[in-house]
Protein backbone atom coordinates (compact mmCIF):
# COMPACT_ATOMS: atom_id res chain seq x y z
CA MET A 1 -19.71 -19.23 5.65
CA SER A 2 -17.62 -16.26 4.66
CA LYS A 3 -14.49 -17.10 3.30
CA ASN A 4 -12.64 -14.05 5.67
CA LYS A 5 -10.13 -15.22 8.32
CA VAL A 6 -11.21 -11.47 9.52
CA LEU A 7 -14.97 -11.95 10.36
CA GLN A 8 -16.63 -9.06 8.78
CA PRO A 9 -17.61 -6.23 11.46
CA ASN A 10 -21.28 -5.87 11.69
CA PHE A 11 -22.90 -2.65 12.69
CA LYS A 12 -22.66 -2.18 16.19
CA LEU A 13 -25.59 -0.26 18.34
CA SER A 14 -22.12 0.97 20.02
CA PHE A 15 -21.22 2.89 16.96
CA LEU A 16 -24.01 5.45 17.84
CA LEU A 17 -22.17 6.26 21.49
CA PRO A 18 -20.35 9.77 21.71
CA LYS A 19 -16.87 8.02 21.30
CA TYR A 20 -18.18 8.00 17.52
CA TRP A 21 -19.22 10.88 16.29
CA LEU A 22 -16.13 12.47 15.44
CA THR A 23 -15.54 9.57 13.18
CA TRP A 24 -19.06 9.55 11.77
CA VAL A 25 -18.26 13.43 10.96
CA GLY A 26 -15.34 12.45 9.43
CA VAL A 27 -16.84 9.71 7.29
CA PHE A 28 -19.92 11.95 6.53
CA ILE A 29 -16.84 14.46 4.77
CA MET A 30 -15.15 12.32 3.28
CA TYR A 31 -18.61 10.51 1.52
CA SER A 32 -20.15 13.33 0.31
CA ILE A 33 -16.82 14.55 -1.22
CA SER A 34 -16.59 11.36 -3.11
CA TRP A 35 -19.45 12.07 -5.04
CA LEU A 36 -17.40 15.92 -6.18
CA PRO A 37 -15.97 16.11 -10.03
CA TYR A 38 -12.45 13.66 -9.69
CA LYS A 39 -10.33 16.62 -10.77
CA PHE A 40 -12.10 18.68 -8.66
CA GLN A 41 -11.02 16.66 -5.81
CA LEU A 42 -7.72 16.12 -7.20
CA PHE A 43 -7.50 20.25 -6.65
CA LEU A 44 -8.94 19.88 -3.36
CA GLY A 45 -6.50 17.13 -2.16
CA ARG A 46 -3.63 19.25 -3.58
CA MET A 47 -4.81 22.04 -1.22
CA ILE A 48 -5.08 19.92 1.83
CA GLY A 49 -1.84 18.49 1.24
CA ARG A 50 -0.01 22.14 0.98
CA LEU A 51 -2.20 22.43 4.22
CA LEU A 52 -0.93 19.30 5.82
CA MET A 53 2.86 20.53 5.10
CA LYS A 54 2.35 23.78 7.07
CA ILE A 55 0.45 22.20 10.12
CA GLY A 56 1.59 18.79 10.29
CA SER A 57 5.25 19.45 11.47
CA SER A 58 6.16 16.39 12.88
CA ARG A 59 5.03 14.46 9.79
CA LYS A 60 7.16 17.00 7.80
CA LYS A 61 10.35 16.40 9.76
CA VAL A 62 9.94 12.46 8.88
CA ALA A 63 9.04 12.60 4.96
CA LEU A 64 11.87 14.99 4.73
CA ARG A 65 14.50 12.79 6.50
CA ASN A 66 13.63 9.88 4.66
CA LEU A 67 14.25 11.45 1.39
CA GLU A 68 17.66 12.29 2.99
CA LEU A 69 18.46 9.36 4.12
CA CYS A 70 17.51 7.74 0.68
CA PHE A 71 18.75 10.64 -1.85
CA PRO A 72 21.62 12.02 0.23
CA ASP A 73 22.85 13.59 -3.57
CA MET A 74 19.53 15.08 -4.47
CA PRO A 75 19.92 19.37 -4.66
CA GLU A 76 18.20 20.55 -1.27
CA GLU A 77 15.77 22.43 -3.47
CA GLU A 78 14.98 19.43 -5.71
CA ARG A 79 14.25 17.42 -2.65
CA LEU A 80 11.47 20.07 -1.04
CA GLU A 81 9.58 20.52 -4.37
CA LEU A 82 9.90 16.39 -3.78
CA LEU A 83 8.47 17.11 -0.72
CA LYS A 84 5.90 19.49 -1.39
CA LYS A 85 4.58 17.30 -4.37
CA ASN A 86 4.20 14.41 -1.74
CA PHE A 87 2.38 16.39 0.81
CA GLU A 88 -0.30 17.43 -2.01
CA SER A 89 -0.22 13.75 -3.25
CA THR A 90 -0.67 12.58 0.61
CA GLY A 91 -4.23 15.33 0.26
CA ILE A 92 -5.41 13.76 -2.77
CA ALA A 93 -5.40 10.13 -0.85
CA LEU A 94 -7.50 11.34 1.89
CA PHE A 95 -10.26 11.68 -1.08
CA GLU A 96 -8.97 8.68 -2.63
CA THR A 97 -9.81 6.87 -0.07
CA GLY A 98 -13.45 7.82 -0.42
CA MET A 99 -13.72 7.02 -3.80
CA GLY A 100 -11.99 3.75 -3.26
CA TRP A 101 -14.90 2.89 -0.65
CA TRP A 102 -17.98 4.34 -2.33
CA TRP A 103 -17.94 5.08 -6.13
CA PRO A 104 -20.02 2.69 -7.75
CA ASP A 105 -18.30 0.35 -9.81
CA TRP A 106 -18.49 2.29 -13.01
CA ARG A 107 -17.08 5.31 -12.23
CA VAL A 108 -13.91 3.29 -10.85
CA LYS A 109 -13.49 1.03 -13.83
CA ARG A 110 -13.67 4.15 -16.45
CA LYS A 111 -10.46 5.55 -14.77
CA PHE A 112 -8.01 2.19 -14.75
CA THR A 113 -6.25 1.14 -16.99
CA VAL A 114 -4.32 -2.48 -16.44
CA THR A 115 -1.47 -4.10 -17.80
CA GLY A 116 0.25 -7.47 -17.26
CA LEU A 117 -2.83 -8.96 -16.61
CA GLU A 118 -1.39 -11.62 -19.06
CA HIS A 119 1.29 -12.84 -16.33
CA ILE A 120 -1.51 -13.71 -13.76
CA GLU A 121 -3.73 -15.64 -16.12
CA LYS A 122 -0.54 -17.72 -17.27
CA ALA A 123 0.10 -18.26 -13.78
CA LYS A 124 -3.38 -19.41 -12.91
CA ALA A 125 -3.98 -21.35 -16.54
CA GLU A 126 -0.59 -23.80 -14.86
CA GLY A 127 -2.08 -24.15 -11.65
CA GLN A 128 -0.07 -22.43 -9.82
CA GLY A 129 -0.59 -19.59 -6.86
CA VAL A 130 0.38 -15.95 -7.61
CA LEU A 131 2.08 -13.88 -4.73
CA ILE A 132 1.56 -10.10 -6.00
CA LEU A 133 4.07 -7.67 -4.02
CA ALA A 134 2.99 -4.13 -3.71
CA MET A 135 4.27 -1.16 -2.02
CA HIS A 136 2.80 1.81 -0.15
CA TYR A 137 1.33 4.35 -2.91
CA LEU A 138 -0.62 7.04 -1.70
CA CYS A 139 -3.02 6.09 -3.87
CA ALA A 140 -3.41 2.24 -2.28
CA GLU A 141 -6.98 2.46 -1.59
CA ILE A 142 -8.71 3.68 -5.33
CA ILE A 143 -5.67 0.94 -6.70
CA GLY A 144 -6.98 -1.65 -4.94
CA ARG A 145 -10.36 -0.96 -5.71
CA GLY A 146 -9.69 -0.36 -9.36
CA PHE A 147 -7.69 -3.46 -10.02
CA GLY A 148 -9.80 -5.79 -8.33
CA HIS A 149 -12.49 -5.04 -11.05
CA ALA A 150 -9.67 -6.09 -13.33
CA HIS A 151 -8.95 -9.14 -11.64
CA PRO A 152 -9.82 -10.32 -7.72
CA LEU A 153 -7.16 -10.52 -5.26
CA VAL A 154 -7.33 -11.78 -1.63
CA ILE A 155 -5.66 -8.84 0.54
CA PHE A 156 -3.59 -9.44 3.31
CA TYR A 157 -4.22 -6.21 6.10
CA ARG A 158 -3.77 -4.27 9.44
CA PRO A 159 -6.94 -4.10 10.69
CA HIS A 160 -8.09 -0.70 11.94
CA ASN A 161 -8.04 -0.10 16.18
CA ASN A 162 -11.38 2.60 15.40
CA GLN A 163 -13.90 -0.28 15.08
CA LEU A 164 -15.98 2.23 13.51
CA MET A 165 -13.50 3.27 10.72
CA GLU A 166 -13.48 -0.75 10.07
CA PHE A 167 -16.34 -1.03 9.22
CA PHE A 168 -15.95 1.03 6.66
CA GLN A 169 -12.67 0.21 5.73
CA PHE A 170 -13.50 -3.78 5.59
CA ARG A 171 -16.58 -3.49 3.26
CA GLY A 172 -14.70 -0.48 1.10
CA ARG A 173 -11.78 -2.72 0.47
CA GLY A 174 -13.50 -5.67 -0.19
CA ARG A 175 -16.03 -4.48 -2.63
CA SER A 176 -14.56 -5.89 -5.87
CA ASN A 177 -11.74 -8.60 -4.37
CA GLU A 178 -11.78 -11.67 -3.27
CA TYR A 179 -11.66 -11.52 0.40
CA MET A 180 -9.27 -9.94 3.03
CA LEU A 181 -6.93 -11.47 5.79
CA GLY A 182 -5.89 -9.73 8.67
CA LYS A 183 -2.06 -9.03 9.11
CA LYS A 184 -1.60 -12.55 11.87
CA ASP A 185 -3.43 -15.38 9.63
CA VAL A 186 -0.10 -16.17 7.71
CA LYS A 187 -1.72 -19.56 7.51
CA GLY A 188 -4.39 -18.08 5.50
CA LEU A 189 -2.20 -16.52 3.03
CA ILE A 190 -0.52 -19.92 2.49
CA LYS A 191 -3.66 -21.70 2.11
CA ALA A 192 -4.71 -18.94 -0.29
CA ILE A 193 -1.85 -19.20 -2.62
CA ARG A 194 -1.71 -22.94 -2.28
CA THR A 195 -4.90 -23.71 -3.57
CA GLY A 196 -3.88 -20.61 -6.54
CA GLU A 197 -5.38 -17.70 -5.57
CA SER A 198 -3.58 -14.47 -6.46
CA CYS A 199 -2.81 -12.95 -3.13
CA LEU A 200 -1.66 -9.06 -2.08
CA TYR A 201 1.50 -8.41 -0.21
CA LEU A 202 3.36 -5.33 1.08
CA PRO A 203 6.54 -5.55 2.08
CA ASP A 204 8.05 -2.03 2.13
CA GLN A 205 7.75 -1.17 5.64
CA ASP A 206 9.57 -1.68 9.27
CA TYR A 207 7.60 -4.18 10.69
CA GLY A 208 10.29 -4.47 13.50
CA ARG A 209 13.10 -7.03 14.40
CA ASN A 210 10.42 -9.99 14.46
CA ARG A 211 11.44 -11.65 11.01
CA SER A 212 13.46 -8.63 9.59
CA ILE A 213 17.07 -8.39 8.79
CA PHE A 214 19.08 -5.25 7.85
CA VAL A 215 19.57 -5.04 4.16
CA PRO A 216 20.24 -1.92 2.00
CA PHE A 217 17.10 0.06 1.04
CA PHE A 218 18.00 3.07 -1.19
CA ASP A 219 21.14 4.76 0.46
CA VAL A 220 20.26 2.86 4.02
CA LYS A 221 22.52 0.04 4.09
CA GLU A 222 20.78 -1.55 7.37
CA THR A 223 17.37 -0.93 6.78
CA ALA A 224 14.85 -3.70 8.62
CA SER A 225 13.23 -5.61 5.88
CA THR A 226 10.72 -8.12 6.72
CA THR A 227 11.26 -12.17 5.81
CA GLY A 228 7.82 -12.57 6.00
CA THR A 229 7.60 -12.13 2.13
CA LEU A 230 9.55 -15.20 2.09
CA ILE A 231 7.50 -17.66 3.65
CA PHE A 232 4.42 -17.27 1.13
CA ALA A 233 6.93 -16.29 -1.88
CA ARG A 234 8.71 -20.14 -1.15
CA GLN A 235 5.49 -22.19 -1.45
CA SER A 236 5.68 -24.67 -4.00
CA ASN A 237 3.99 -23.87 -7.62
CA THR A 238 3.81 -20.10 -6.28
CA LYS A 239 5.42 -17.07 -8.73
CA THR A 240 5.75 -13.67 -7.09
CA MET A 241 5.06 -10.64 -9.12
CA MET A 242 5.63 -6.46 -8.64
CA MET A 243 2.17 -4.43 -8.59
CA ILE A 244 3.08 -0.95 -10.26
CA PRO A 245 0.74 1.64 -10.08
CA LYS A 246 0.47 5.02 -10.59
CA ARG A 247 -1.67 8.12 -10.52
CA ASN A 248 -1.80 9.63 -14.02
CA ASP A 249 -0.25 13.05 -14.17
CA ASP A 250 -2.82 14.28 -16.94
CA GLY A 251 -5.86 13.66 -14.27
CA SER A 252 -7.43 11.17 -16.12
CA GLY A 253 -7.23 8.25 -13.29
CA TYR A 254 -4.71 5.45 -12.88
CA THR A 255 -2.85 3.46 -14.04
CA VAL A 256 -1.69 -0.39 -12.75
CA GLU A 257 1.10 -2.59 -14.17
CA ILE A 258 1.89 -5.97 -13.15
CA THR A 259 5.53 -7.35 -14.33
CA PRO A 260 6.70 -10.86 -15.11
CA PRO A 261 7.16 -12.95 -12.45
CA LEU A 262 10.56 -12.60 -10.24
CA ASP A 263 13.29 -14.83 -12.31
CA ASN A 264 15.32 -16.84 -10.25
CA PHE A 265 13.06 -16.10 -6.98
CA PRO A 266 13.28 -17.13 -4.26
CA THR A 267 16.61 -18.52 -3.81
CA ASN A 268 17.71 -20.81 -0.73
CA ASP A 269 19.42 -17.14 0.83
CA ASP A 270 17.48 -14.44 2.69
CA VAL A 271 19.92 -11.78 2.55
CA THR A 272 19.69 -12.73 -1.11
CA ASP A 273 16.01 -12.54 -1.60
CA VAL A 274 15.41 -9.56 0.64
CA THR A 275 17.97 -7.56 -1.18
CA ARG A 276 15.70 -8.36 -4.52
CA ILE A 277 12.54 -7.16 -2.63
CA ASN A 278 13.69 -3.99 -2.33
CA GLN A 279 15.23 -3.07 -4.91
CA GLU A 280 12.67 -4.26 -6.63
CA VAL A 281 10.45 -1.55 -4.72
CA GLU A 282 12.93 1.11 -5.27
CA LYS A 283 12.76 0.59 -8.56
CA ALA A 284 8.75 1.17 -8.32
CA VAL A 285 9.09 3.85 -5.94
CA LEU A 286 11.53 5.95 -8.45
CA ARG A 287 8.99 5.75 -11.35
CA LYS A 288 6.82 8.50 -9.42
CA PRO A 289 9.13 9.06 -6.14
CA GLU A 290 6.17 11.89 -5.41
CA GLN A 291 3.69 8.97 -5.09
CA TYR A 292 5.30 7.05 -2.26
CA MET A 293 4.38 7.14 1.62
CA TRP A 294 7.65 8.93 2.45
CA LEU A 295 5.84 9.66 5.86
CA HIS A 296 6.03 6.20 7.57
CA ARG A 297 9.42 6.11 9.95
CA ARG A 298 10.52 3.45 7.71
CA PHE A 299 14.06 3.64 9.23
CA LYS A 300 13.53 3.17 12.99
CA THR A 301 14.54 -0.04 14.08
CA ARG A 302 18.52 0.15 13.42
CA PRO A 303 20.59 -2.83 13.67
CA ASN A 304 21.16 -2.64 17.47
CA GLU A 305 19.03 -1.30 20.42
CA THR A 306 21.62 0.79 21.22
CA ASP A 307 22.18 2.68 17.78
CA ALA A 308 21.13 5.84 17.93
CA SER A 309 17.73 6.98 16.05
CA LEU A 310 18.42 8.46 12.16
CA TYR A 311 15.27 10.74 12.86
CA LYS A 312 17.10 12.62 15.67
């Protein structure tokens, strides 16, 4: 029996219906491009990203607003350059999805350098579960695949709304990892941690008011930040570590760092602990801010429902 709480989606004849035809076209294009030389895909991705910046006015406004909120003292010229690089990275991420889902193992492995595995190995040798906190870096799809070859993970994820895309996404993300759990399967992730698995969780987006408190993130003093992380981090015999990835500037591939376990974490104070998580995410983002997902409306939930939106 499969260990996956989210049952592995099977191919359905309904996937051949007209409503999925555009999805099939997109998948075919992604798959075909994934076989091109890596550096050519990087070049093509940058070009696509620049095009998206020109035609995607709503996402451009969101990303620019996020940068204004997080880096209010950054000169405008520097902020606009960061925005441009961020869209170029977004374009590359489209092709990294294809790489992550369809590249053969040998091609993935030669593009990856992983450091800090000894921290995970030490925790597991001591019989502890490992909670690895990552962030929404744009290269996440290829990172998940590549890191899984070094150390397979249990991945906590959001199933795709499009059933055909979920069919491909599930298989692509699970190719080199232990298994995957849907975002509502809190009990499943707790069980995985308690049985000594290494589990991946991303705490850095706005998940609404439920299980959130308002603490600083960059220069926004009241940012909706999930307390869900603490449910997992506070399990007995659990070590919490950060995963910090990057796409190498020289086009050689990717480097992923696992940090030592967070010391004195968690405490019994939600505000202290969630603030600490946000600070760790900030430090990771600042290493390669152009590779972070600034297109997400990170600050859409305000402390009071009557508060004015930060995106107007």
